[in-house]
Amino acid sequence: MWCPECGCEYEKGFTMCSDCGCALTDKEPEKTLIDGVDIQNLVCLCEAGTDFDADVKIALLRSYGIKAFKRYSPFASVAKIYCGSSNLGVMLYVPSESYADAKEIIDAPFDKDDFSENAYGEAKDEED
């Protein structure tokens, strides 16, 4: 059994999707690709507090060759439309086969000493 909305697979005997509330069907939904990635294969990596945080994390992951996507909750989507950005939380998703690498990258500790020199190799002034 399959949900026609979110694509979740259920065992026989279930009639409604617990996520969407839709009636299940016997037919497997067609794959939907975004940027070459099957959206049914995406898993939630983490929640970013703001659009900016999400964009920074997505850029970091993409610099490692990991495709990442953001999704807003319904209320956050409304805030994004009317305010131009959302600070109500943005969920980041990655392909399931990239999850472990993406989690390691996102959870890596930030060492400010790695940035003690600017792009010209000169030491930055420390401000107190």
Protein backbone atom coordinates (compact mmCIF):
# COMPACT_ATOMS: atom_id res chain seq x y z
CA MET A 1 0.00 0.00 0.00
CA TRP A 2 1.24 3.48 -0.86
CA CYS A 3 0.33 7.05 0.02
CA PRO A 4 -0.32 8.98 -3.20
CA GLU A 5 0.71 12.26 -1.54
CA CYS A 6 3.99 11.59 0.31
CA GLY A 7 4.93 8.24 -1.24
CA CYS A 8 5.27 6.36 2.06
CA GLU A 9 4.92 2.60 1.83
CA TYR A 10 2.60 0.76 4.24
CA GLU A 11 1.98 -2.91 5.00
CA LYS A 12 -1.26 -4.48 3.84
CA GLY A 13 -4.13 -3.78 6.18
CA PHE A 14 -3.50 -0.05 6.53
CA THR A 15 -5.97 2.24 4.80
CA MET A 16 -4.86 5.79 5.69
CA CYS A 17 -1.48 7.55 5.69
CA SER A 18 -0.51 8.53 9.24
CA ASP A 19 1.40 11.59 7.92
CA CYS A 20 -0.99 12.96 5.27
CA GLY A 21 -4.34 11.46 6.23
CA CYS A 22 -4.83 10.34 2.60
CA ALA A 23 -6.41 7.06 1.54
CA LEU A 24 -3.74 4.54 0.53
CA THR A 25 -3.59 2.94 -2.92
CA ASP A 26 -2.09 -0.26 -4.33
CA LYS A 27 -0.18 1.67 -6.98
CA GLU A 28 3.38 2.82 -6.23
CA PRO A 29 3.69 6.57 -6.97
CA GLU A 30 5.95 7.70 -9.79
CA LYS A 31 9.34 9.04 -8.77
CA THR A 32 9.63 12.79 -8.56
CA LEU A 33 13.11 14.16 -9.19
CA ILE A 34 14.46 17.48 -7.94
CA ASP A 35 17.96 18.36 -9.07
CA GLY A 36 18.37 14.71 -10.08
CA VAL A 37 17.41 13.39 -6.62
CA ASP A 38 14.34 11.23 -5.94
CA ILE A 39 12.37 13.16 -3.31
CA GLN A 40 11.09 9.89 -1.83
CA ASN A 41 14.70 9.09 -0.95
CA LEU A 42 15.26 12.26 1.13
CA VAL A 43 15.71 12.08 4.89
CA CYS A 44 15.64 14.88 7.44
CA LEU A 45 19.15 15.88 8.47
CA CYS A 46 18.45 18.70 10.93
CA GLU A 47 16.49 21.84 11.63
CA ALA A 48 18.02 25.22 10.94
CA GLY A 49 16.72 28.18 12.92
CA THR A 50 16.54 30.65 10.04
CA ASP A 51 16.72 30.82 6.27
CA PHE A 52 20.26 32.14 6.56
CA ASP A 53 21.36 29.22 8.76
CA ALA A 54 19.76 26.78 6.31
CA ASP A 55 21.46 28.41 3.31
CA VAL A 56 24.87 28.32 5.02
CA LYS A 57 24.47 24.63 5.88
CA ILE A 58 23.28 23.81 2.35
CA ALA A 59 26.28 25.66 0.86
CA LEU A 60 28.63 23.77 3.19
CA LEU A 61 27.12 20.41 2.24
CA ARG A 62 27.18 21.22 -1.47
CA SER A 63 30.85 22.16 -1.18
CA TYR A 64 31.37 18.49 -0.22
CA GLY A 65 29.25 17.34 -3.16
CA ILE A 66 26.17 16.54 -1.06
CA LYS A 67 22.87 17.81 -2.41
CA ALA A 68 20.69 19.29 0.29
CA PHE A 69 17.22 20.79 0.27
CA LYS A 70 15.14 22.85 2.67
CA ARG A 71 11.48 22.54 3.55
CA TYR A 72 9.30 24.84 5.60
CA SER A 73 6.45 23.91 7.88
CA PRO A 74 3.09 25.27 6.66
CA PHE A 75 3.21 28.25 9.05
CA ALA A 76 6.87 28.97 8.26
CA SER A 77 5.95 28.91 4.56
CA VAL A 78 3.42 31.67 5.16
CA ALA A 79 6.05 33.71 7.03
CA LYS A 80 8.49 33.20 4.15
CA ILE A 81 5.91 34.44 1.64
CA TYR A 82 4.83 37.51 3.60
CA CYS A 83 8.11 38.46 5.30
CA GLY A 84 10.66 37.29 2.74
CA SER A 85 12.33 34.93 5.20
CA SER A 86 11.42 32.68 8.08
CA ASN A 87 12.89 32.30 11.54
CA LEU A 88 10.34 29.65 12.45
CA GLY A 89 12.59 26.75 11.61
CA VAL A 90 13.63 25.25 8.31
CA MET A 91 14.11 21.51 7.90
CA LEU A 92 17.11 20.32 5.87
CA TYR A 93 16.89 17.12 3.84
CA VAL A 94 19.59 15.05 2.12
CA PRO A 95 19.51 11.83 0.09
CA SER A 96 19.46 8.83 2.44
CA GLU A 97 22.75 7.49 1.04
CA SER A 98 24.45 10.81 1.97
CA TYR A 99 22.98 11.09 5.46
CA ALA A 100 25.97 9.76 7.46
CA ASP A 101 28.49 11.99 5.66
CA ALA A 102 26.19 15.01 5.87
CA LYS A 103 25.60 14.47 9.60
CA GLU A 104 29.34 14.25 10.23
CA ILE A 105 29.95 17.49 8.31
CA ILE A 106 27.14 19.41 10.04
CA ASP A 107 28.07 18.13 13.51
CA ALA A 108 31.82 18.78 13.14
CA PRO A 109 33.12 21.24 15.75
CA PHE A 110 33.93 24.72 14.52
CA ASP A 111 37.49 25.77 15.25
CA LYS A 112 37.91 29.53 15.01
CA ASP A 113 41.69 29.06 14.89
CA ASP A 114 41.24 27.66 11.38
CA PHE A 115 40.36 31.21 10.36
CA SER A 116 43.15 33.09 12.10
CA GLU A 117 44.49 34.31 8.74
CA ASN A 118 42.65 36.17 6.03
CA ALA A 119 42.66 35.27 2.33
CA TYR A 120 46.07 36.98 1.90
CA GLY A 121 47.81 34.93 4.60
CA GLU A 122 47.92 37.88 7.00
CA ALA A 123 46.96 37.44 10.63
CA LYS A 124 43.69 39.10 11.56
CA ASP A 125 43.53 41.58 14.41
CA GLU A 126 41.87 40.15 17.50
CA GLU A 127 39.16 42.42 18.87
CA ASP A 128 38.12 42.17 22.51
